[in-house]
């Protein structure tokens, strides 16, 4: 009887190891799918850049590609207006699963850094 119990324990350990390996495989598969999605975003974005398209349309397409091919919940492109210290949206797209539109985004300009330095208005120092 003890040999039977030892065999059961061994099978349980093997089963647990297989479950752990399956978990690792799932994680790696998700990471690979994410990278493939980002590659698809880059590829489709590069394709539309070569066409002479109005910037506003280009930004909208970038956002559409990020949501459709990159599986992002939402994407937006904005332009920093240093005078008003706001970000003006130039393009936006969101996944249909989001119930509330993410149309309003305020960013406090002093918190934005470029190359480790805070952004400043022309004629000022940071």
N, C-alpha and C. Protein backbone atom coordinates (compact mmCIF):
# COMPACT_ATOMS: atom_id res chain seq x y z
N UNK A 1 0.82 -1.19 0.00
CA UNK A 1 0.00 0.00 0.00
C UNK A 1 0.86 1.26 0.00
N UNK A 2 1.98 1.25 0.71
CA UNK A 2 2.83 2.43 0.75
C UNK A 2 3.46 2.71 -0.62
N UNK A 3 3.73 1.67 -1.41
CA UNK A 3 4.26 1.87 -2.76
C UNK A 3 3.22 2.59 -3.62
N UNK A 4 1.96 2.24 -3.39
CA UNK A 4 0.88 2.89 -4.13
C UNK A 4 0.79 4.38 -3.77
N UNK A 5 0.91 4.70 -2.48
CA UNK A 5 0.87 6.09 -2.04
C UNK A 5 2.07 6.87 -2.56
N UNK A 6 3.24 6.23 -2.57
CA UNK A 6 4.43 6.89 -3.09
C UNK A 6 4.26 7.20 -4.57
N UNK A 7 3.67 6.28 -5.30
CA UNK A 7 3.41 6.50 -6.73
C UNK A 7 2.42 7.62 -6.94
N UNK A 8 1.40 7.71 -6.08
CA UNK A 8 0.43 8.79 -6.18
C UNK A 8 1.09 10.16 -5.94
N UNK A 9 1.99 10.20 -4.94
CA UNK A 9 2.69 11.45 -4.66
C UNK A 9 3.59 11.84 -5.84
N UNK A 10 4.24 10.85 -6.41
CA UNK A 10 5.11 11.13 -7.55
C UNK A 10 4.30 11.66 -8.73
N UNK A 11 3.14 11.04 -8.98
CA UNK A 11 2.27 11.52 -10.05
C UNK A 11 1.77 12.94 -9.78
N UNK A 12 1.46 13.22 -8.53
CA UNK A 12 1.01 14.56 -8.15
C UNK A 12 2.11 15.59 -8.38
N UNK A 13 3.36 15.24 -8.04
CA UNK A 13 4.49 16.15 -8.27
C UNK A 13 4.70 16.39 -9.76
N UNK A 14 4.62 15.33 -10.55
CA UNK A 14 4.77 15.46 -12.00
C UNK A 14 3.65 16.33 -12.56
N UNK A 15 2.45 16.12 -12.07
CA UNK A 15 1.31 16.92 -12.52
C UNK A 15 1.52 18.39 -12.19
N UNK A 16 1.99 18.68 -10.99
CA UNK A 16 2.25 20.07 -10.59
C UNK A 16 3.33 20.71 -11.46
N UNK A 17 4.37 19.94 -11.79
CA UNK A 17 5.43 20.47 -12.65
C UNK A 17 4.90 20.78 -14.04
N UNK A 18 4.05 19.89 -14.55
CA UNK A 18 3.45 20.15 -15.86
C UNK A 18 2.57 21.40 -15.83
N UNK A 19 1.84 21.60 -14.75
CA UNK A 19 1.02 22.80 -14.61
C UNK A 19 1.90 24.05 -14.57
N UNK A 20 3.02 23.97 -13.86
CA UNK A 20 3.94 25.10 -13.81
C UNK A 20 4.50 25.40 -15.20
N UNK A 21 4.90 24.36 -15.91
CA UNK A 21 5.43 24.55 -17.26
C UNK A 21 4.37 25.13 -18.18
N UNK A 22 3.15 24.66 -18.04
CA UNK A 22 2.05 25.19 -18.87
C UNK A 22 1.84 26.67 -18.58
N UNK A 23 1.96 27.07 -17.31
CA UNK A 23 1.83 28.48 -16.94
C UNK A 23 2.92 29.33 -17.56
N UNK A 24 4.14 28.81 -17.55
CA UNK A 24 5.26 29.53 -18.16
C UNK A 24 5.04 29.66 -19.66
N UNK A 25 4.59 28.60 -20.30
CA UNK A 25 4.32 28.62 -21.74
C UNK A 25 3.24 29.64 -22.06
N UNK A 26 2.17 29.70 -21.24
CA UNK A 26 1.11 30.69 -21.46
C UNK A 26 1.65 32.11 -21.35
N UNK A 27 2.51 32.36 -20.34
CA UNK A 27 3.10 33.69 -20.18
C UNK A 27 3.94 34.07 -21.38
N UNK A 28 4.76 33.14 -21.84
CA UNK A 28 5.62 33.41 -23.00
C UNK A 28 4.79 33.61 -24.26
N UNK A 29 3.71 32.87 -24.38
CA UNK A 29 2.83 33.01 -25.53
C UNK A 29 2.17 34.39 -25.54
N UNK A 30 1.71 34.86 -24.36
CA UNK A 30 1.12 36.20 -24.26
C UNK A 30 2.15 37.26 -24.64
N UNK A 31 3.38 37.11 -24.15
CA UNK A 31 4.43 38.08 -24.46
C UNK A 31 4.73 38.08 -25.96
N UNK A 32 4.78 36.91 -26.56
CA UNK A 32 5.03 36.81 -27.99
C UNK A 32 3.89 37.44 -28.79
N UNK A 33 2.66 37.17 -28.38
CA UNK A 33 1.50 37.78 -29.05
C UNK A 33 1.54 39.29 -28.93
N UNK A 34 1.94 39.79 -27.78
CA UNK A 34 2.04 41.24 -27.57
C UNK A 34 3.09 41.84 -28.50
N UNK A 35 4.25 41.18 -28.58
CA UNK A 35 5.30 41.66 -29.48
C UNK A 35 4.85 41.62 -30.93
N UNK A 36 4.16 40.55 -31.31
CA UNK A 36 3.66 40.45 -32.68
C UNK A 36 2.66 41.56 -32.98
N UNK A 37 1.81 41.88 -31.99
CA UNK A 37 0.86 42.98 -32.16
C UNK A 37 1.56 44.30 -32.32
N UNK A 38 2.62 44.53 -31.54
CA UNK A 38 3.38 45.78 -31.65
C UNK A 38 4.10 45.84 -33.00
N UNK A 39 4.58 44.71 -33.46
CA UNK A 39 5.22 44.68 -34.78
C UNK A 39 4.19 45.02 -35.87
N UNK A 40 2.99 44.50 -35.74
CA UNK A 40 1.93 44.80 -36.71
C UNK A 40 1.60 46.29 -36.69
N UNK A 41 1.57 46.89 -35.50
CA UNK A 41 1.33 48.34 -35.40
C UNK A 41 2.43 49.10 -36.14
N UNK A 42 3.66 48.73 -35.89
CA UNK A 42 4.79 49.39 -36.54
C UNK A 42 4.72 49.22 -38.06
N UNK A 43 4.45 48.02 -38.50
CA UNK A 43 4.38 47.73 -39.93
C UNK A 43 3.28 48.53 -40.62
N UNK A 44 2.07 48.53 -40.05
CA UNK A 44 0.96 49.26 -40.65
C UNK A 44 1.18 50.78 -40.59
N UNK A 45 1.79 51.24 -39.50
CA UNK A 45 2.09 52.66 -39.36
C UNK A 45 3.10 53.08 -40.44
N UNK A 46 4.12 52.27 -40.63
CA UNK A 46 5.11 52.59 -41.67
C UNK A 46 4.47 52.65 -43.05
N UNK A 47 3.50 51.79 -43.30
CA UNK A 47 2.84 51.78 -44.61
C UNK A 47 2.07 53.07 -44.88
N UNK A 48 1.43 53.61 -43.85
CA UNK A 48 0.64 54.83 -44.10
C UNK A 48 1.51 56.09 -44.10
N UNK A 49 2.68 56.03 -43.48
CA UNK A 49 3.56 57.19 -43.46
C UNK A 49 4.03 57.55 -44.87
N UNK A 50 4.22 56.55 -45.71
CA UNK A 50 4.76 56.83 -47.05
C UNK A 50 3.76 57.55 -47.95
N UNK A 51 2.49 57.54 -47.58
CA UNK A 51 1.49 58.26 -48.36
C UNK A 51 1.42 59.70 -47.89
N UNK A 52 1.17 60.60 -48.81
CA UNK A 52 1.06 62.02 -48.49
C UNK A 52 -0.34 62.26 -47.91
N UNK A 53 -0.42 62.19 -46.60
CA UNK A 53 -1.71 62.30 -45.92
C UNK A 53 -1.66 63.50 -44.98
N UNK A 54 -2.79 64.17 -44.87
CA UNK A 54 -2.91 65.30 -43.94
C UNK A 54 -2.57 64.82 -42.53
N UNK A 55 -1.79 65.59 -41.77
CA UNK A 55 -1.36 65.15 -40.43
C UNK A 55 -2.51 64.69 -39.54
N UNK A 56 -3.63 65.40 -39.54
CA UNK A 56 -4.75 65.02 -38.67
C UNK A 56 -5.24 63.61 -39.03
N UNK A 57 -5.36 63.32 -40.32
CA UNK A 57 -5.78 61.99 -40.77
C UNK A 57 -4.74 60.95 -40.39
N UNK A 58 -3.48 61.30 -40.54
CA UNK A 58 -2.38 60.41 -40.18
C UNK A 58 -2.44 60.04 -38.70
N UNK A 59 -2.65 61.03 -37.84
CA UNK A 59 -2.72 60.77 -36.40
C UNK A 59 -3.93 59.89 -36.05
N UNK A 60 -5.05 60.14 -36.70
CA UNK A 60 -6.24 59.30 -36.48
C UNK A 60 -5.94 57.86 -36.89
N UNK A 61 -5.28 57.69 -38.03
CA UNK A 61 -4.93 56.34 -38.50
C UNK A 61 -3.96 55.66 -37.55
N UNK A 62 -2.97 56.41 -37.03
CA UNK A 62 -2.04 55.83 -36.06
C UNK A 62 -2.80 55.24 -34.87
N UNK A 63 -3.76 56.00 -34.37
CA UNK A 63 -4.54 55.57 -33.22
C UNK A 63 -5.40 54.36 -33.56
N UNK A 64 -6.00 54.40 -34.73
CA UNK A 64 -6.82 53.27 -35.19
C UNK A 64 -5.98 52.00 -35.30
N UNK A 65 -4.80 52.12 -35.85
CA UNK A 65 -3.91 50.97 -35.99
C UNK A 65 -3.51 50.43 -34.62
N UNK A 66 -3.19 51.31 -33.68
CA UNK A 66 -2.79 50.87 -32.34
C UNK A 66 -3.90 50.06 -31.66
N UNK A 67 -5.14 50.51 -31.83
CA UNK A 67 -6.27 49.81 -31.21
C UNK A 67 -6.59 48.51 -31.96
N UNK A 68 -6.62 48.58 -33.29
CA UNK A 68 -7.03 47.41 -34.07
C UNK A 68 -5.96 46.32 -34.16
N UNK A 69 -4.70 46.70 -34.33
CA UNK A 69 -3.65 45.72 -34.51
C UNK A 69 -2.82 45.48 -33.25
N UNK A 70 -2.67 46.51 -32.44
CA UNK A 70 -1.88 46.37 -31.22
C UNK A 70 -2.70 45.95 -30.02
N UNK A 71 -4.02 45.91 -30.20
CA UNK A 71 -4.95 45.52 -29.14
C UNK A 71 -4.86 46.42 -27.91
N UNK A 72 -4.61 47.71 -28.16
CA UNK A 72 -4.65 48.69 -27.08
C UNK A 72 -6.10 49.04 -26.81
N UNK A 73 -6.43 49.34 -25.57
CA UNK A 73 -7.80 49.73 -25.23
C UNK A 73 -8.10 51.12 -25.80
N UNK A 74 -7.09 51.98 -25.84
CA UNK A 74 -7.26 53.33 -26.38
C UNK A 74 -5.89 53.84 -26.80
N UNK A 75 -5.91 54.77 -27.74
CA UNK A 75 -4.66 55.40 -28.18
C UNK A 75 -4.97 56.85 -28.54
N UNK A 76 -4.04 57.73 -28.29
CA UNK A 76 -4.22 59.12 -28.66
C UNK A 76 -2.87 59.73 -28.99
N UNK A 77 -2.91 60.77 -29.81
CA UNK A 77 -1.74 61.57 -30.16
C UNK A 77 -2.09 62.99 -29.82
N UNK A 78 -1.19 63.68 -29.15
CA UNK A 78 -1.45 65.05 -28.76
C UNK A 78 -0.28 65.96 -29.03
N UNK A 79 -0.57 67.25 -29.00
CA UNK A 79 0.45 68.27 -29.21
C UNK A 79 0.51 69.13 -27.95
N UNK A 80 1.71 69.35 -27.46
CA UNK A 80 1.89 70.16 -26.26
C UNK A 80 1.78 71.63 -26.63
N UNK A 81 0.90 72.34 -25.94
CA UNK A 81 0.77 73.78 -26.10
C UNK A 81 1.37 74.41 -24.85
N UNK A 82 2.60 74.91 -24.98
CA UNK A 82 3.29 75.45 -23.81
C UNK A 82 2.62 76.70 -23.27
N UNK A 83 1.98 77.48 -24.12
CA UNK A 83 1.34 78.72 -23.67
C UNK A 83 0.19 78.42 -22.71
N UNK A 84 -0.66 77.44 -23.06
CA UNK A 84 -1.79 77.10 -22.20
C UNK A 84 -1.46 75.98 -21.21
N UNK A 85 -0.29 75.40 -21.37
CA UNK A 85 0.16 74.28 -20.56
C UNK A 85 -0.83 73.12 -20.60
N UNK A 86 -1.33 72.83 -21.80
CA UNK A 86 -2.24 71.71 -22.00
C UNK A 86 -1.78 70.91 -23.20
N UNK A 87 -2.31 69.70 -23.29
CA UNK A 87 -2.05 68.86 -24.44
C UNK A 87 -3.31 68.88 -25.30
N UNK A 88 -3.14 69.30 -26.54
CA UNK A 88 -4.27 69.37 -27.47
C UNK A 88 -4.32 68.07 -28.25
N UNK A 89 -5.44 67.33 -28.18
CA UNK A 89 -5.53 66.06 -28.91
C UNK A 89 -5.56 66.28 -30.42
N UNK A 90 -4.80 65.45 -31.14
CA UNK A 90 -4.75 65.51 -32.59
C UNK A 90 -5.35 64.25 -33.22
N UNK A 91 -5.39 63.18 -32.48
CA UNK A 91 -5.96 61.94 -32.96
C UNK A 91 -6.34 61.07 -31.78
N UNK A 92 -7.39 60.27 -31.94
CA UNK A 92 -7.89 59.47 -30.84
C UNK A 92 -8.68 58.28 -31.37
N UNK A 93 -8.56 57.14 -30.68
CA UNK A 93 -9.39 55.96 -30.98
C UNK A 93 -9.44 55.12 -29.71
N UNK A 94 -10.58 54.52 -29.47
CA UNK A 94 -10.68 53.62 -28.32
C UNK A 94 -11.42 52.36 -28.70
N UNK A 95 -11.14 51.31 -27.96
CA UNK A 95 -11.78 50.02 -28.14
C UNK A 95 -13.25 50.16 -27.79
N UNK A 96 -14.11 49.43 -28.47
CA UNK A 96 -15.54 49.51 -28.21
C UNK A 96 -15.91 48.95 -26.85
N UNK A 97 -15.01 48.21 -26.21
CA UNK A 97 -15.30 47.65 -24.90
C UNK A 97 -15.26 48.70 -23.79
N UNK A 98 -14.60 49.82 -24.05
CA UNK A 98 -14.58 50.90 -23.05
C UNK A 98 -15.91 51.62 -23.08
N UNK A 99 -16.52 51.74 -21.94
CA UNK A 99 -17.85 52.34 -21.87
C UNK A 99 -17.80 53.86 -21.85
N UNK A 100 -16.77 54.40 -21.22
CA UNK A 100 -16.66 55.86 -21.10
C UNK A 100 -15.59 56.37 -22.07
N UNK A 101 -15.92 57.34 -22.88
CA UNK A 101 -14.90 57.86 -23.79
C UNK A 101 -13.80 58.59 -23.03
N UNK A 102 -12.58 58.38 -23.47
CA UNK A 102 -11.43 59.03 -22.84
C UNK A 102 -11.08 60.29 -23.63
N UNK A 103 -12.03 61.19 -23.75
CA UNK A 103 -11.83 62.35 -24.62
C UNK A 103 -11.18 63.53 -23.91
N UNK A 104 -11.18 63.56 -22.61
CA UNK A 104 -10.60 64.69 -21.88
C UNK A 104 -9.37 64.22 -21.13
N UNK A 105 -8.27 64.83 -21.46
CA UNK A 105 -7.02 64.47 -20.82
C UNK A 105 -6.27 65.75 -20.51
N UNK A 106 -6.03 65.99 -19.24
CA UNK A 106 -5.26 67.16 -18.83
C UNK A 106 -3.95 66.67 -18.22
N UNK A 107 -2.88 67.27 -18.67
CA UNK A 107 -1.57 66.91 -18.15
C UNK A 107 -0.95 68.17 -17.60
N UNK A 108 -0.51 68.11 -16.35
CA UNK A 108 0.16 69.24 -15.74
C UNK A 108 1.55 69.35 -16.36
N UNK A 109 1.79 70.42 -17.07
CA UNK A 109 3.03 70.58 -17.83
C UNK A 109 4.29 70.50 -16.96
N UNK A 110 4.30 71.05 -15.77
CA UNK A 110 5.55 70.95 -15.00
C UNK A 110 5.98 69.51 -14.71
N UNK A 111 5.04 68.54 -14.83
CA UNK A 111 5.40 67.16 -14.54
C UNK A 111 5.98 66.44 -15.75
N UNK A 112 6.00 67.10 -16.92
CA UNK A 112 6.52 66.47 -18.13
C UNK A 112 8.00 66.78 -18.26
N UNK A 113 8.80 65.74 -18.41
CA UNK A 113 10.24 65.89 -18.58
C UNK A 113 10.65 65.35 -19.94
N UNK A 114 11.59 66.01 -20.57
CA UNK A 114 12.18 65.54 -21.81
C UNK A 114 13.67 65.42 -21.58
N UNK A 115 14.19 64.23 -21.77
CA UNK A 115 15.62 63.96 -21.55
C UNK A 115 16.05 64.39 -20.15
N UNK A 116 15.17 64.14 -19.17
CA UNK A 116 15.50 64.43 -17.79
C UNK A 116 15.33 65.89 -17.38
N UNK A 117 14.87 66.74 -18.32
CA UNK A 117 14.69 68.15 -18.00
C UNK A 117 13.22 68.52 -18.18
N UNK A 118 12.68 69.33 -17.27
CA UNK A 118 11.28 69.73 -17.42
C UNK A 118 11.08 70.63 -18.63
N UNK A 119 9.92 70.49 -19.27
CA UNK A 119 9.59 71.38 -20.38
C UNK A 119 9.34 72.77 -19.83
N UNK A 120 9.70 73.77 -20.60
CA UNK A 120 9.44 75.14 -20.18
C UNK A 120 8.94 75.94 -21.37
N UNK A 121 8.27 77.04 -21.07
CA UNK A 121 7.77 77.91 -22.13
C UNK A 121 8.94 78.64 -22.76
N UNK A 122 8.82 78.99 -24.05
CA UNK A 122 9.90 79.74 -24.69
C UNK A 122 10.24 81.01 -23.91
N UNK A 123 11.51 81.28 -23.76
CA UNK A 123 11.95 82.48 -23.04
C UNK A 123 12.09 82.24 -21.55
N UNK A 124 11.78 81.05 -21.07
CA UNK A 124 11.96 80.75 -19.64
C UNK A 124 13.04 79.70 -19.50
N UNK A 125 13.55 79.55 -18.32
CA UNK A 125 14.56 78.52 -18.07
C UNK A 125 13.97 77.50 -17.13
N UNK A 126 14.51 76.30 -17.22
CA UNK A 126 14.01 75.24 -16.33
C UNK A 126 15.11 74.72 -15.46
